[in-house]
Amino acid sequence: MLSQEIEEVANQSFALSVEPDGAYNFDLIKGNFSAEAAKQVLLTLVNDKLSFHRQADFSHRERYGIPKADSLERIKALEAVRAELFELLAKADAEGRRLTLKSEVKIVLE
């Protein structure tokens, strides 16, 4: 069941649209999920962002000998969000609830 839910979302077509102000956007996540499927989708995104910032910090330390301050701040924030997500998703799962997720990406050319 879980893999079927994830596959259905993966097979959705998401188009890049242009807003009247010239910004571009697309739906990164859009759907209704079981708690387990929502956990897989959300934690994959958060974990990937954590990996990105950890790698950026590591690279910065190797090159300049000092930590990358903005990545360290983002890591701390993402770790807090991750912990909160675990609690929320455990509660939703225990109550047998489904979750509607929507995440839009907006791109502004400057």
N, C-alpha and C. Protein backbone atom coordinates (compact mmCIF):
# COMPACT_ATOMS: atom_id res chain seq x y z
N MET A 1 0.83 -1.20 0.00
CA MET A 1 0.00 0.00 0.00
C MET A 1 0.87 1.26 0.00
N LEU A 2 1.88 1.28 0.87
CA LEU A 2 2.75 2.45 0.96
C LEU A 2 3.44 2.70 -0.36
N SER A 3 4.02 1.68 -0.95
CA SER A 3 4.73 1.89 -2.22
C SER A 3 3.77 2.33 -3.32
N GLN A 4 2.52 1.88 -3.26
CA GLN A 4 1.54 2.31 -4.25
C GLN A 4 1.24 3.80 -4.09
N GLU A 5 1.10 4.27 -2.85
CA GLU A 5 0.85 5.70 -2.61
C GLU A 5 2.01 6.54 -3.14
N ILE A 6 3.22 6.14 -2.83
CA ILE A 6 4.41 6.87 -3.26
C ILE A 6 4.50 6.85 -4.78
N GLU A 7 4.22 5.72 -5.39
CA GLU A 7 4.27 5.61 -6.85
C GLU A 7 3.23 6.53 -7.51
N GLU A 8 2.04 6.61 -6.93
CA GLU A 8 1.01 7.48 -7.49
C GLU A 8 1.45 8.93 -7.49
N VAL A 9 2.08 9.35 -6.41
CA VAL A 9 2.58 10.73 -6.32
C VAL A 9 3.72 10.93 -7.31
N ALA A 10 4.61 9.98 -7.40
CA ALA A 10 5.75 10.08 -8.31
C ALA A 10 5.30 10.17 -9.77
N ASN A 11 4.17 9.58 -10.08
CA ASN A 11 3.69 9.57 -11.47
C ASN A 11 2.83 10.78 -11.82
N GLN A 12 2.56 11.66 -10.85
CA GLN A 12 1.81 12.87 -11.15
C GLN A 12 2.65 13.77 -12.04
N SER A 13 1.98 14.49 -12.92
CA SER A 13 2.74 15.44 -13.74
C SER A 13 2.68 16.81 -13.09
N PHE A 14 3.81 17.43 -12.96
CA PHE A 14 3.92 18.74 -12.35
C PHE A 14 4.53 19.68 -13.38
N ALA A 15 3.78 20.71 -13.71
CA ALA A 15 4.25 21.64 -14.73
C ALA A 15 4.77 22.92 -14.07
N LEU A 16 5.77 23.49 -14.67
CA LEU A 16 6.30 24.79 -14.25
C LEU A 16 5.36 25.85 -14.81
N SER A 17 4.82 26.68 -13.94
CA SER A 17 3.92 27.73 -14.41
C SER A 17 4.53 29.10 -14.12
N VAL A 18 4.06 30.08 -14.85
CA VAL A 18 4.55 31.45 -14.69
C VAL A 18 3.43 32.29 -14.11
N GLU A 19 3.74 33.00 -13.03
CA GLU A 19 2.76 33.87 -12.38
C GLU A 19 2.77 35.23 -13.07
N PRO A 20 1.71 36.03 -12.82
CA PRO A 20 1.66 37.37 -13.43
C PRO A 20 2.87 38.25 -13.10
N ASP A 21 3.48 38.04 -11.93
CA ASP A 21 4.64 38.85 -11.55
C ASP A 21 5.94 38.34 -12.18
N GLY A 22 5.84 37.29 -13.00
CA GLY A 22 7.02 36.75 -13.68
C GLY A 22 7.71 35.63 -12.92
N ALA A 23 7.26 35.34 -11.72
CA ALA A 23 7.85 34.25 -10.94
C ALA A 23 7.39 32.91 -11.52
N TYR A 24 8.22 31.91 -11.34
CA TYR A 24 7.90 30.56 -11.78
C TYR A 24 7.55 29.74 -10.53
N ASN A 25 6.65 28.78 -10.69
CA ASN A 25 6.38 27.91 -9.57
C ASN A 25 5.94 26.54 -10.04
N PHE A 26 6.07 25.58 -9.12
CA PHE A 26 5.56 24.24 -9.36
C PHE A 26 5.30 23.58 -8.02
N ASP A 27 4.40 22.60 -8.03
CA ASP A 27 4.09 21.84 -6.83
C ASP A 27 5.12 20.72 -6.68
N LEU A 28 5.88 20.77 -5.62
CA LEU A 28 6.84 19.72 -5.34
C LEU A 28 6.15 18.51 -4.73
N ILE A 29 5.23 18.78 -3.81
CA ILE A 29 4.44 17.73 -3.18
C ILE A 29 2.98 18.17 -3.24
N LYS A 30 2.13 17.24 -3.60
CA LYS A 30 0.70 17.56 -3.66
C LYS A 30 -0.06 16.25 -3.58
N GLY A 31 -0.74 16.03 -2.46
CA GLY A 31 -1.52 14.81 -2.35
C GLY A 31 -1.96 14.52 -0.94
N ASN A 32 -2.73 13.43 -0.81
CA ASN A 32 -3.23 12.96 0.47
C ASN A 32 -2.54 11.63 0.76
N PHE A 33 -1.95 11.52 1.96
CA PHE A 33 -1.09 10.40 2.28
C PHE A 33 -1.45 9.74 3.60
N SER A 34 -1.16 8.47 3.70
CA SER A 34 -1.19 7.81 5.00
C SER A 34 -0.05 8.41 5.81
N ALA A 35 -0.07 8.23 7.11
CA ALA A 35 1.00 8.76 7.95
C ALA A 35 2.35 8.18 7.54
N GLU A 36 2.38 6.90 7.22
CA GLU A 36 3.64 6.24 6.85
C GLU A 36 4.19 6.79 5.53
N ALA A 37 3.31 7.00 4.55
CA ALA A 37 3.76 7.56 3.27
C ALA A 37 4.21 9.01 3.44
N ALA A 38 3.46 9.78 4.23
CA ALA A 38 3.86 11.17 4.49
C ALA A 38 5.22 11.21 5.17
N LYS A 39 5.45 10.29 6.08
CA LYS A 39 6.74 10.21 6.77
C LYS A 39 7.86 9.97 5.76
N GLN A 40 7.65 9.05 4.86
CA GLN A 40 8.67 8.73 3.86
C GLN A 40 8.96 9.94 2.97
N VAL A 41 7.91 10.61 2.50
CA VAL A 41 8.08 11.76 1.62
C VAL A 41 8.77 12.91 2.34
N LEU A 42 8.25 13.28 3.50
CA LEU A 42 8.78 14.45 4.23
C LEU A 42 10.19 14.22 4.76
N LEU A 43 10.42 13.05 5.34
CA LEU A 43 11.75 12.81 5.90
C LEU A 43 12.81 12.65 4.81
N THR A 44 12.41 12.17 3.66
CA THR A 44 13.36 12.11 2.54
C THR A 44 13.81 13.52 2.17
N LEU A 45 12.87 14.44 2.08
CA LEU A 45 13.22 15.83 1.75
C LEU A 45 14.09 16.46 2.83
N VAL A 46 13.68 16.32 4.09
CA VAL A 46 14.45 16.92 5.19
C VAL A 46 15.84 16.29 5.27
N ASN A 47 15.92 14.99 5.15
CA ASN A 47 17.23 14.32 5.21
C ASN A 47 18.14 14.73 4.06
N ASP A 48 17.56 14.91 2.88
CA ASP A 48 18.36 15.37 1.74
C ASP A 48 18.89 16.78 1.97
N LYS A 49 18.06 17.65 2.53
CA LYS A 49 18.51 19.02 2.84
C LYS A 49 19.59 18.99 3.92
N LEU A 50 19.44 18.13 4.91
CA LEU A 50 20.48 17.99 5.94
C LEU A 50 21.79 17.54 5.31
N SER A 51 21.73 16.57 4.44
CA SER A 51 22.94 16.08 3.76
C SER A 51 23.59 17.20 2.95
N PHE A 52 22.78 17.97 2.24
CA PHE A 52 23.29 19.08 1.44
C PHE A 52 24.08 20.06 2.32
N HIS A 53 23.48 20.47 3.43
CA HIS A 53 24.13 21.46 4.30
C HIS A 53 25.33 20.88 5.05
N ARG A 54 25.27 19.61 5.40
CA ARG A 54 26.43 18.97 6.04
C ARG A 54 27.60 18.91 5.06
N GLN A 55 27.31 18.59 3.81
CA GLN A 55 28.36 18.55 2.79
C GLN A 55 28.92 19.94 2.53
N ALA A 56 28.04 20.95 2.48
CA ALA A 56 28.50 22.33 2.27
C ALA A 56 29.40 22.77 3.42
N ASP A 57 29.03 22.42 4.64
CA ASP A 57 29.85 22.77 5.80
C ASP A 57 31.19 22.04 5.75
N PHE A 58 31.17 20.76 5.43
CA PHE A 58 32.41 19.98 5.34
C PHE A 58 33.34 20.58 4.29
N SER A 59 32.80 20.89 3.13
CA SER A 59 33.59 21.47 2.05
C SER A 59 34.19 22.81 2.46
N HIS A 60 33.39 23.63 3.12
CA HIS A 60 33.86 24.94 3.57
C HIS A 60 34.98 24.80 4.60
N ARG A 61 34.84 23.84 5.50
CA ARG A 61 35.88 23.59 6.50
C ARG A 61 37.18 23.12 5.84
N GLU A 62 37.04 22.27 4.84
CA GLU A 62 38.22 21.77 4.14
C GLU A 62 38.94 22.89 3.39
N ARG A 63 38.18 23.77 2.76
CA ARG A 63 38.77 24.84 1.97
C ARG A 63 39.30 25.99 2.82
N TYR A 64 38.52 26.40 3.83
CA TYR A 64 38.85 27.62 4.56
C TYR A 64 39.21 27.40 6.03
N GLY A 65 39.05 26.19 6.52
CA GLY A 65 39.42 25.89 7.89
C GLY A 65 38.43 26.37 8.94
N ILE A 66 37.28 26.85 8.49
CA ILE A 66 36.25 27.33 9.42
C ILE A 66 34.89 26.79 9.00
N PRO A 67 33.96 26.68 9.97
CA PRO A 67 32.62 26.19 9.62
C PRO A 67 31.87 27.19 8.74
N LYS A 68 30.88 26.68 8.05
CA LYS A 68 30.01 27.51 7.20
C LYS A 68 28.79 27.87 8.06
N ALA A 69 28.78 29.09 8.56
CA ALA A 69 27.79 29.52 9.56
C ALA A 69 26.35 29.34 9.11
N ASP A 70 26.02 29.72 7.86
CA ASP A 70 24.64 29.61 7.43
C ASP A 70 24.19 28.15 7.31
N SER A 71 25.10 27.27 6.92
CA SER A 71 24.76 25.85 6.86
C SER A 71 24.56 25.28 8.26
N LEU A 72 25.39 25.69 9.21
CA LEU A 72 25.23 25.21 10.59
C LEU A 72 23.88 25.64 11.17
N GLU A 73 23.47 26.87 10.87
CA GLU A 73 22.16 27.35 11.33
C GLU A 73 21.03 26.55 10.69
N ARG A 74 21.17 26.29 9.41
CA ARG A 74 20.14 25.54 8.70
C ARG A 74 20.08 24.09 9.20
N ILE A 75 21.22 23.49 9.49
CA ILE A 75 21.26 22.13 10.02
C ILE A 75 20.51 22.07 11.35
N LYS A 76 20.78 23.03 12.21
CA LYS A 76 20.11 23.07 13.51
C LYS A 76 18.59 23.19 13.34
N ALA A 77 18.16 24.07 12.45
CA ALA A 77 16.72 24.26 12.21
C ALA A 77 16.09 23.01 11.61
N LEU A 78 16.76 22.39 10.65
CA LEU A 78 16.23 21.19 10.02
C LEU A 78 16.15 20.02 10.99
N GLU A 79 17.13 19.90 11.88
CA GLU A 79 17.09 18.84 12.88
C GLU A 79 15.90 19.03 13.82
N ALA A 80 15.60 20.28 14.17
CA ALA A 80 14.45 20.56 15.02
C ALA A 80 13.14 20.21 14.30
N VAL A 81 13.04 20.59 13.03
CA VAL A 81 11.86 20.27 12.24
C VAL A 81 11.70 18.76 12.12
N ARG A 82 12.81 18.07 11.90
CA ARG A 82 12.78 16.61 11.76
C ARG A 82 12.21 15.97 13.03
N ALA A 83 12.66 16.42 14.19
CA ALA A 83 12.15 15.88 15.45
C ALA A 83 10.66 16.15 15.61
N GLU A 84 10.23 17.35 15.25
CA GLU A 84 8.81 17.70 15.33
C GLU A 84 7.97 16.86 14.36
N LEU A 85 8.53 16.61 13.17
CA LEU A 85 7.82 15.78 12.20
C LEU A 85 7.62 14.36 12.73
N PHE A 86 8.66 13.80 13.37
CA PHE A 86 8.53 12.47 13.93
C PHE A 86 7.37 12.41 14.92
N GLU A 87 7.26 13.42 15.78
CA GLU A 87 6.18 13.46 16.76
C GLU A 87 4.82 13.59 16.08
N LEU A 88 4.70 14.52 15.16
CA LEU A 88 3.44 14.75 14.46
C LEU A 88 3.00 13.50 13.70
N LEU A 89 3.93 12.89 12.99
CA LEU A 89 3.59 11.74 12.17
C LEU A 89 3.27 10.52 13.03
N ALA A 90 3.93 10.38 14.17
CA ALA A 90 3.61 9.28 15.09
C ALA A 90 2.20 9.45 15.64
N LYS A 91 1.83 10.68 15.96
CA LYS A 91 0.49 10.97 16.46
C LYS A 91 -0.55 10.66 15.38
N ALA A 92 -0.30 11.12 14.16
CA ALA A 92 -1.23 10.87 13.05
C ALA A 92 -1.38 9.37 12.81
N ASP A 93 -0.29 8.64 12.87
CA ASP A 93 -0.33 7.20 12.66
C ASP A 93 -1.11 6.51 13.77
N ALA A 94 -0.87 6.89 15.02
CA ALA A 94 -1.56 6.30 16.16
C ALA A 94 -3.07 6.55 16.10
N GLU A 95 -3.46 7.69 15.53
CA GLU A 95 -4.87 8.04 15.43
C GLU A 95 -5.49 7.58 14.11
N GLY A 96 -4.68 6.95 13.25
CA GLY A 96 -5.19 6.46 11.97
C GLY A 96 -5.59 7.56 11.02
N ARG A 97 -4.91 8.69 11.11
CA ARG A 97 -5.28 9.84 10.28
C ARG A 97 -4.44 9.90 9.02
N ARG A 98 -5.00 10.54 8.00
CA ARG A 98 -4.28 10.79 6.75
C ARG A 98 -3.83 12.24 6.75
N LEU A 99 -2.87 12.54 5.91
CA LEU A 99 -2.33 13.89 5.85
C LEU A 99 -2.37 14.40 4.42
N THR A 100 -2.82 15.63 4.25
CA THR A 100 -2.76 16.29 2.96
C THR A 100 -1.51 17.16 2.96
N LEU A 101 -0.65 16.93 1.99
CA LEU A 101 0.60 17.67 1.88
C LEU A 101 0.59 18.49 0.59
N LYS A 102 1.08 19.71 0.70
CA LYS A 102 1.24 20.56 -0.48
C LYS A 102 2.48 21.40 -0.25
N SER A 103 3.39 21.33 -1.17
CA SER A 103 4.62 22.12 -1.10
C SER A 103 4.88 22.73 -2.47
N GLU A 104 4.84 24.03 -2.51
CA GLU A 104 5.05 24.74 -3.77
C GLU A 104 6.44 25.36 -3.77
N VAL A 105 7.12 25.26 -4.88
CA VAL A 105 8.42 25.90 -5.06
C VAL A 105 8.19 27.13 -5.94
N LYS A 106 8.68 28.27 -5.47
CA LYS A 106 8.56 29.51 -6.23
C LYS A 106 9.96 29.99 -6.59
N ILE A 107 10.16 30.32 -7.85
CA ILE A 107 11.45 30.76 -8.36
C ILE A 107 11.30 32.18 -8.88
N VAL A 108 12.12 33.08 -8.37
CA VAL A 108 12.11 34.47 -8.82
C VAL A 108 13.47 34.77 -9.43
N LEU A 109 13.48 35.18 -10.67
CA LEU A 109 14.73 35.56 -11.33
C LEU A 109 15.05 36.99 -10.93
N GLU A 110 16.22 37.20 -10.37
CA GLU A 110 16.61 38.54 -9.91
C GLU A 110 17.73 39.11 -10.75
